[in-house]
Amino acid sequence: MSFPFALRTPERTLFEGEADEVSLRAAGGDIAFLTGHVPFIGAVRVSECRIAPTGGPTVLAAVHGGLVEVDPERAVVLLAPIAELAEEIDVARARAAEARLSGSAHLGDAAAAAALERAVCRLGVAAVVASAGGLTTAATRAPAGHGSGS
């Protein structure tokens, strides 16, 4: 059985459709949502979001925080301030950010630490897709614009 799922940022909807499973990292740890999940509202950490669309290949996204709500009567909705589908990740830019921010010059700088965490997340999602030969698909997601921030 499936359930309606949407992944949205303030700028666009990255995915909207039926899913069999969605997994991500919430504030309390890794969590997966299946049909019939109990009601839930929780903070989302910077993490990979893995979407198993009904009848389609897995979709991966780098999600940079946010809020997820499970309403068993309606849908699961993930609202993120920044999110990117795996195929949209600029790997060279993420590598440059990681190299620039991983030095000791940024120790104690919360903004630099957050930017480094986002870069590492992007690289992790891109690496999963590269090693799997391309998991993501545009077929099941809503039309998407560009520019969900960094």
Protein backbone atom coordinates (compact mmCIF):
# COMPACT_ATOMS: atom_id res chain seq x y z
CA MET A 1 0.00 0.00 0.00
CA SER A 2 1.09 3.53 -0.67
CA PHE A 3 0.45 6.98 0.75
CA PRO A 4 0.58 10.52 -0.62
CA PHE A 5 3.96 12.19 -0.06
CA ALA A 6 5.24 15.67 -0.85
CA LEU A 7 8.69 17.21 -0.48
CA ARG A 8 8.51 21.00 -0.65
CA THR A 9 10.77 24.01 -0.19
CA PRO A 10 9.61 27.62 -0.14
CA GLU A 11 10.51 27.86 -3.84
CA ARG A 12 9.13 24.63 -5.27
CA THR A 13 7.80 21.12 -4.93
CA LEU A 14 10.55 18.58 -5.54
CA PHE A 15 8.35 15.49 -5.30
CA GLU A 16 4.62 14.94 -5.04
CA GLY A 17 3.02 11.57 -5.54
CA GLU A 18 2.32 8.15 -4.09
CA ALA A 19 5.13 6.50 -2.13
CA ASP A 20 5.58 3.09 -0.55
CA GLU A 21 8.26 4.32 1.88
CA VAL A 22 10.12 7.50 2.79
CA SER A 23 13.17 7.54 5.04
CA LEU A 24 15.23 10.40 6.47
CA ARG A 25 16.96 11.55 9.63
CA ALA A 26 14.71 13.28 12.14
CA ALA A 27 15.90 15.04 15.28
CA GLY A 28 15.53 11.78 17.23
CA GLY A 29 17.35 9.61 14.69
CA ASP A 30 16.67 7.78 11.45
CA ILE A 31 13.00 7.21 10.67
CA ALA A 32 11.00 5.56 7.90
CA PHE A 33 7.39 6.25 7.01
CA LEU A 34 5.11 3.52 5.66
CA THR A 35 1.39 3.36 5.07
CA GLY A 36 -0.47 3.61 8.36
CA HIS A 37 2.33 5.37 10.26
CA VAL A 38 1.11 6.91 13.49
CA PRO A 39 0.59 10.68 13.50
CA PHE A 40 3.94 12.42 13.78
CA ILE A 41 5.41 15.90 13.62
CA GLY A 42 9.16 16.22 13.89
CA ALA A 43 12.20 18.27 13.05
CA VAL A 44 14.32 17.01 10.16
CA ARG A 45 18.11 17.05 10.29
CA VAL A 46 20.41 17.63 7.36
CA SER A 47 20.23 14.24 5.69
CA GLU A 48 19.52 12.05 2.73
CA CYS A 49 15.82 11.62 2.03
CA ARG A 50 15.07 8.34 0.26
CA ILE A 51 11.69 8.13 -1.47
CA ALA A 52 10.35 4.83 -2.81
CA PRO A 53 7.63 5.95 -5.25
CA THR A 54 4.89 3.48 -6.00
CA GLY A 55 5.85 1.67 -9.19
CA GLY A 56 9.01 3.67 -9.80
CA PRO A 57 12.70 3.78 -9.00
CA THR A 58 13.99 5.29 -5.76
CA VAL A 59 14.35 9.06 -5.64
CA LEU A 60 17.10 10.58 -3.48
CA ALA A 61 17.30 14.13 -2.21
CA ALA A 62 19.64 16.09 0.03
CA VAL A 63 17.40 17.73 2.62
CA HIS A 64 18.82 20.53 4.74
CA GLY A 65 16.59 20.60 7.79
CA GLY A 66 12.89 21.21 8.01
CA LEU A 67 9.75 19.68 9.41
CA VAL A 68 7.90 16.47 8.57
CA GLU A 69 4.24 15.83 9.34
CA VAL A 70 2.44 12.52 9.11
CA ASP A 71 -1.31 12.71 9.01
CA PRO A 72 -2.56 9.15 8.49
CA GLU A 73 -5.87 10.48 7.17
CA ARG A 74 -4.20 12.50 4.42
CA ALA A 75 -0.47 12.47 3.66
CA VAL A 76 3.14 12.76 4.70
CA VAL A 77 4.57 16.21 3.99
CA LEU A 78 8.21 17.23 4.33
CA LEU A 79 8.84 20.97 4.36
CA ALA A 80 12.51 21.90 4.02
CA PRO A 81 14.16 25.30 3.75
CA ILE A 82 16.65 23.83 1.26
CA ALA A 83 16.49 20.55 -0.64
CA GLU A 84 17.97 19.20 -3.87
CA LEU A 85 17.24 16.11 -5.90
CA ALA A 86 20.34 14.00 -6.41
CA GLU A 87 20.65 14.80 -10.11
CA GLU A 88 20.62 18.54 -9.34
CA ILE A 89 23.62 18.47 -6.99
CA ASP A 90 26.65 20.37 -8.23
CA VAL A 91 29.31 17.94 -7.04
CA ALA A 92 32.24 20.21 -7.93
CA ARG A 93 30.71 23.07 -5.93
CA ALA A 94 30.01 20.78 -2.96
CA ARG A 95 33.58 19.43 -3.04
CA ALA A 96 34.97 22.97 -3.16
CA ALA A 97 32.79 23.97 -0.19
CA GLU A 98 33.89 20.91 1.76
CA ALA A 99 37.56 21.64 1.09
CA ARG A 100 37.18 25.33 1.96
CA LEU A 101 35.20 24.73 5.15
CA SER A 102 36.89 21.65 6.59
CA GLY A 103 40.02 23.54 7.64
CA SER A 104 40.65 24.50 11.24
CA ALA A 105 40.18 28.21 10.40
CA HIS A 106 36.41 27.69 10.76
CA LEU A 107 36.43 25.90 14.13
CA GLY A 108 33.73 27.37 16.34
CA ASP A 109 31.96 29.11 13.41
CA ALA A 110 28.37 27.81 13.48
CA ALA A 111 27.55 29.08 9.98
CA ALA A 112 30.64 27.40 8.54
CA ALA A 113 29.83 24.16 10.37
CA ALA A 114 26.27 24.20 8.97
CA ALA A 115 27.54 24.89 5.44
CA LEU A 116 30.06 22.04 5.78
CA GLU A 117 27.29 19.69 6.97
CA ARG A 118 25.20 20.61 3.89
CA ALA A 119 28.18 20.04 1.55
CA VAL A 120 28.90 16.63 3.08
CA CYS A 121 25.22 15.69 2.76
CA ARG A 122 25.17 16.71 -0.90
CA LEU A 123 28.30 14.67 -1.61
CA GLY A 124 26.86 11.65 0.18
CA VAL A 125 23.64 11.74 -1.84
CA ALA A 126 25.55 12.24 -5.09
CA ALA A 127 27.88 9.32 -4.24
CA VAL A 128 24.94 6.97 -3.63
CA VAL A 129 23.49 7.82 -7.03
CA ALA A 130 26.85 7.53 -8.79
CA SER A 131 27.55 4.13 -7.25
CA ALA A 132 24.08 2.85 -8.11
CA GLY A 133 24.22 4.06 -11.69
CA GLY A 134 21.48 6.65 -11.19
CA LEU A 135 18.60 5.87 -8.82
CA THR A 136 16.55 8.97 -9.32
CA THR A 137 13.84 9.68 -11.81
CA ALA A 138 11.96 12.77 -12.89
CA ALA A 139 8.94 10.73 -13.99
CA THR A 140 7.09 10.76 -10.67
CA ARG A 141 7.89 14.16 -9.29
CA ALA A 142 6.12 17.44 -9.85
CA PRO A 143 7.59 19.97 -12.27
CA ALA A 144 10.49 21.66 -10.52
CA GLY A 145 12.12 25.03 -10.91
CA HIS A 146 15.69 25.78 -9.93
CA GLY A 147 17.25 27.43 -6.92
CA SER A 148 16.38 26.07 -3.53
CA GLY A 149 19.36 27.79 -1.93
CA SER A 150 22.56 26.51 -0.36
